[in-house]
């Protein structure tokens, strides 16, 4: 798949794709997941650390739990803002991009599978926003986000009298108890770790084969596209 062999660089023009709230969401979400995964792993399997220092300096596990809870609130608020932006943001942030409700979406998903897995060549420049397969994958991760929030705050409800965690006190009972709730929460942690690894690989892979600023766009917001392609995409979206 060599985009530059058929498209002259002089015909490529910048398009503002990722608005500031989307970029903020991306990096806050990434940082939250890293912190939650590290602290969550420690909470699930705490190391046996002994210290001869003062008790006030040995409260490391409590600090880990506090950091985990704070990151969980940040993760949730950030997620809610992203859902809101899916209704008020530009066409690339719109919620409709994430649900495959058209034949074109399914056709594009198969095309991306052929490119990413079967390594076939694609003759035309793909959509500037998330491609169809990535969009659907993100939709599945949003469901995983919701499950992680439900199970996490469901576990937290047993140890916190605060009103917000108590809103999720019904979750462990629905899932059959605290043990299964913790197992689901733990498995989802590994799902996010695996997803992050694949995500990073595909970002660099598509940046290489598309040459349109995929990686840098999540910092500056701009990507590059063949002249006139954006207008054709808008017509297909109608």
Protein backbone atom coordinates (compact mmCIF):
# COMPACT_ATOMS: atom_id res chain seq x y z
CA UNK A 1 0.00 0.00 0.00
CA UNK A 2 1.95 3.02 -1.28
CA UNK A 3 -0.09 6.19 -1.16
CA UNK A 4 2.73 8.39 -2.40
CA UNK A 5 3.21 6.42 -5.62
CA UNK A 6 -0.14 7.58 -6.98
CA UNK A 7 -0.75 10.88 -5.21
CA UNK A 8 1.44 13.87 -5.78
CA UNK A 9 2.53 15.69 -2.68
CA UNK A 10 1.42 18.93 -4.30
CA UNK A 11 -2.19 17.67 -4.23
CA UNK A 12 -2.18 16.98 -0.48
CA UNK A 13 -3.69 19.66 1.75
CA UNK A 14 -4.08 19.98 5.54
CA UNK A 15 -7.43 19.24 7.17
CA UNK A 16 -8.23 20.00 10.81
CA UNK A 17 -9.48 16.60 12.01
CA UNK A 18 -9.04 16.20 15.76
CA UNK A 19 -10.45 19.07 17.78
CA UNK A 20 -8.84 20.08 21.08
CA UNK A 21 -11.38 18.23 23.32
CA UNK A 22 -10.77 15.00 21.37
CA UNK A 23 -7.01 15.35 21.75
CA UNK A 24 -7.34 16.13 25.45
CA UNK A 25 -9.60 13.09 25.86
CA UNK A 26 -7.09 10.84 24.10
CA UNK A 27 -4.09 11.76 26.22
CA UNK A 28 -5.97 12.02 29.53
CA UNK A 29 -7.51 8.64 28.80
CA UNK A 30 -4.13 7.13 27.98
CA UNK A 31 -2.54 8.50 31.18
CA UNK A 32 -5.51 7.37 33.29
CA UNK A 33 -5.35 3.83 31.91
CA UNK A 34 -1.61 3.60 32.60
CA UNK A 35 -2.06 4.79 36.20
CA UNK A 36 -5.11 2.58 36.76
CA UNK A 37 -3.38 -0.49 35.34
CA UNK A 38 -0.24 -0.05 37.45
CA UNK A 39 -2.03 0.76 40.70
CA UNK A 40 -4.75 -1.83 40.02
CA UNK A 41 -2.17 -4.56 39.53
CA UNK A 42 -0.49 -3.61 42.81
CA UNK A 43 -3.84 -3.59 44.62
CA UNK A 44 -4.72 -7.00 43.20
CA UNK A 45 -1.35 -8.53 44.08
CA UNK A 46 0.40 -6.29 46.64
CA UNK A 47 4.11 -6.95 47.19
CA UNK A 48 5.26 -7.88 50.70
CA UNK A 49 7.18 -4.73 51.60
CA UNK A 50 8.52 -4.34 55.12
CA UNK A 51 9.90 -1.09 56.45
CA UNK A 52 11.50 -0.04 59.74
CA UNK A 53 10.55 3.61 59.18
CA UNK A 54 7.83 5.54 60.97
CA UNK A 55 4.29 4.28 60.40
CA UNK A 56 3.33 7.56 58.75
CA UNK A 57 5.95 6.86 56.06
CA UNK A 58 4.79 3.28 55.52
CA UNK A 59 1.34 4.13 54.22
CA UNK A 60 2.38 3.33 50.66
CA UNK A 61 -0.46 0.90 49.94
CA UNK A 62 -3.05 3.44 51.07
CA UNK A 63 -1.43 5.96 48.74
CA UNK A 64 -1.65 3.48 45.87
CA UNK A 65 -5.37 3.00 46.53
CA UNK A 66 -5.99 6.76 46.71
CA UNK A 67 -4.17 7.32 43.41
CA UNK A 68 -6.23 4.51 41.86
CA UNK A 69 -9.51 6.05 43.04
CA UNK A 70 -8.56 9.55 41.84
CA UNK A 71 -7.54 8.19 38.42
CA UNK A 72 -10.86 6.32 38.27
CA UNK A 73 -12.82 9.54 38.76
CA UNK A 74 -10.71 11.31 36.12
CA UNK A 75 -11.25 8.38 33.75
CA UNK A 76 -15.03 8.51 34.26
CA UNK A 77 -15.37 12.29 33.87
CA UNK A 78 -13.18 12.22 30.78
CA UNK A 79 -15.31 9.42 29.30
CA UNK A 80 -18.53 11.37 29.91
CA UNK A 81 -17.06 14.46 28.21
CA UNK A 82 -16.08 12.35 25.19
CA UNK A 83 -19.62 10.97 24.89
CA UNK A 84 -20.94 14.53 24.99
CA UNK A 85 -18.46 15.61 22.33
CA UNK A 86 -19.70 12.78 20.12
CA UNK A 87 -22.90 14.80 19.72
CA UNK A 88 -21.52 18.35 19.47
CA UNK A 89 -18.08 17.84 17.88
CA UNK A 90 -17.12 17.89 14.21
CA UNK A 91 -17.86 15.11 11.72
CA UNK A 92 -14.74 13.15 12.71
CA UNK A 93 -15.78 13.03 16.39
CA UNK A 94 -19.44 12.21 15.74
CA UNK A 95 -20.88 9.12 17.45
CA UNK A 96 -22.21 7.83 14.11
CA UNK A 97 -18.65 7.01 13.04
CA UNK A 98 -18.38 4.31 15.71
CA UNK A 99 -21.46 2.22 14.87
CA UNK A 100 -21.44 0.18 11.61
CA UNK A 101 -25.01 0.87 10.51
CA UNK A 102 -24.32 1.27 6.76
CA UNK A 103 -23.09 -1.09 4.04
CA UNK A 104 -20.26 1.30 3.31
CA UNK A 105 -19.04 1.00 6.91
CA UNK A 106 -18.94 -2.81 6.75
CA UNK A 107 -17.26 -2.70 3.33
CA UNK A 108 -14.61 -0.31 4.64
CA UNK A 109 -14.07 -2.52 7.70
CA UNK A 110 -13.31 -5.50 5.45
CA UNK A 111 -10.95 -3.35 3.39
CA UNK A 112 -8.99 -2.33 6.50
CA UNK A 113 -8.85 -5.96 7.68
CA UNK A 114 -7.32 -6.89 4.31
CA UNK A 115 -4.76 -4.10 4.65
CA UNK A 116 -3.84 -4.66 8.32
CA UNK A 117 -3.91 -8.45 8.46
CA UNK A 118 -3.64 -9.78 4.91
CA UNK A 119 -1.20 -6.98 3.94
CA UNK A 120 -2.90 -6.27 0.60
CA UNK A 121 -2.52 -2.95 -1.17
CA UNK A 122 -5.18 -0.28 -1.01
CA UNK A 123 -5.28 2.00 -4.01
CA UNK A 124 -7.19 4.92 -2.48
CA UNK A 125 -6.46 7.12 0.49
CA UNK A 126 -8.63 6.02 3.47
CA UNK A 127 -10.86 8.32 5.51
CA UNK A 128 -9.06 11.03 7.42
CA UNK A 129 -10.80 10.26 10.70
CA UNK A 130 -10.79 6.88 12.35
CA UNK A 131 -11.05 4.16 9.73
CA UNK A 132 -14.14 1.95 9.84
CA UNK A 133 -12.46 -0.92 11.71
CA UNK A 134 -10.83 1.38 14.26
CA UNK A 135 -14.14 3.17 14.85
CA UNK A 136 -15.96 -0.09 15.55
CA UNK A 137 -13.11 -1.24 17.80
CA UNK A 138 -13.38 2.00 19.77
CA UNK A 139 -17.11 1.41 20.12
CA UNK A 140 -16.32 -1.97 21.71
CA UNK A 141 -13.78 -0.31 24.00
CA UNK A 142 -16.45 2.20 25.08
CA UNK A 143 -18.55 -0.77 26.21
CA UNK A 144 -15.48 -2.13 28.03
CA UNK A 145 -14.98 1.32 29.60
CA UNK A 146 -18.55 1.20 30.90
CA UNK A 147 -18.09 -2.31 32.33
CA UNK A 148 -14.82 -1.26 33.96
CA UNK A 149 -16.51 1.75 35.57
CA UNK A 150 -19.45 -0.35 36.80
CA UNK A 151 -17.28 -3.10 38.28
CA UNK A 152 -14.68 -0.69 39.69
CA UNK A 153 -17.14 1.55 41.50
CA UNK A 154 -19.17 -1.53 42.45
CA UNK A 155 -16.13 -2.85 44.31
CA UNK A 156 -15.43 0.60 45.76
CA UNK A 157 -19.00 0.86 47.10
CA UNK A 158 -18.26 -1.84 49.69
CA UNK A 159 -15.57 0.32 51.31
CA UNK A 160 -16.81 3.86 50.76
CA UNK A 161 -19.86 5.52 52.34
CA UNK A 162 -19.74 8.35 49.75
CA UNK A 163 -22.93 8.82 47.77
CA UNK A 164 -21.40 8.33 44.32
CA UNK A 165 -19.82 4.88 44.85
CA UNK A 166 -23.03 3.82 46.57
CA UNK A 167 -24.84 4.36 43.27
CA UNK A 168 -23.01 1.23 42.06
CA UNK A 169 -23.61 -0.96 45.12
CA UNK A 170 -26.03 -3.09 43.09
CA UNK A 171 -23.37 -4.22 40.60
CA UNK A 172 -21.69 -7.01 42.65
CA UNK A 173 -25.09 -8.47 43.54
CA UNK A 174 -26.09 -8.46 39.87
CA UNK A 175 -22.85 -10.19 38.84
CA UNK A 176 -23.03 -12.81 41.56
CA UNK A 177 -20.77 -11.38 44.24
CA UNK A 178 -17.56 -9.46 44.87
CA UNK A 179 -15.25 -12.25 43.65
CA UNK A 180 -16.68 -12.38 40.13
CA UNK A 181 -16.88 -8.58 40.01
CA UNK A 182 -13.17 -8.35 40.84
CA UNK A 183 -12.33 -11.02 38.25
CA UNK A 184 -14.17 -9.13 35.52
CA UNK A 185 -12.47 -5.90 36.58
CA UNK A 186 -9.08 -7.64 36.48
CA UNK A 187 -9.66 -9.25 33.07
CA UNK A 188 -10.72 -5.91 31.61
CA UNK A 189 -7.44 -4.45 32.84
CA UNK A 190 -5.54 -6.93 30.66
CA UNK A 191 -7.91 -6.20 27.79
CA UNK A 192 -6.92 -2.52 27.93
CA UNK A 193 -3.23 -3.37 28.14
CA UNK A 194 -3.48 -5.62 25.07
CA UNK A 195 -5.60 -3.06 23.23
CA UNK A 196 -3.05 -0.32 23.96
CA UNK A 197 -0.20 -2.39 22.55
CA UNK A 198 -2.10 -3.15 19.33
CA UNK A 199 -3.29 0.45 19.10
CA UNK A 200 0.23 1.88 19.28
CA UNK A 201 1.47 -0.59 16.65
CA UNK A 202 -1.37 0.21 14.22
CA UNK A 203 -0.93 3.97 14.69
CA UNK A 204 2.69 3.78 13.56
CA UNK A 205 1.84 1.25 10.85
CA UNK A 206 -0.85 3.44 9.31
CA UNK A 207 1.32 6.51 9.71
CA UNK A 208 3.92 4.73 7.58
CA UNK A 209 1.62 3.44 4.84
CA UNK A 210 -0.70 6.45 4.61
CA UNK A 211 1.84 9.25 5.08
CA UNK A 212 -0.89 11.69 6.14
CA UNK A 213 0.17 12.67 9.65
CA UNK A 214 -1.64 9.98 11.62
CA UNK A 215 0.72 10.12 14.62
CA UNK A 216 1.28 13.87 14.83
CA UNK A 217 -2.43 14.61 14.29
CA UNK A 218 -3.28 13.60 17.86
CA UNK A 219 -0.95 16.36 19.03
CA UNK A 220 -1.67 19.16 16.57
CA UNK A 221 -5.03 18.02 15.19
CA UNK A 222 -4.08 18.28 11.51
CA UNK A 223 -3.90 15.50 8.92
CA UNK A 224 -3.26 15.62 5.17
CA UNK A 225 -5.52 14.44 2.38
CA UNK A 226 -5.76 14.33 -1.38
CA UNK A 227 -7.32 17.47 -2.85
CA UNK A 228 -11.09 17.07 -3.21
CA UNK A 229 -11.29 13.80 -1.22
CA UNK A 230 -12.87 15.45 1.82
CA UNK A 231 -15.75 16.78 -0.26
CA UNK A 232 -16.36 13.34 -1.78
CA UNK A 233 -16.44 11.80 1.72
CA UNK A 234 -19.04 14.32 2.85
CA UNK A 235 -21.24 13.39 -0.08
CA UNK A 236 -20.98 9.68 0.79
CA UNK A 237 -21.87 10.42 4.41
CA UNK A 238 -25.17 12.04 3.49
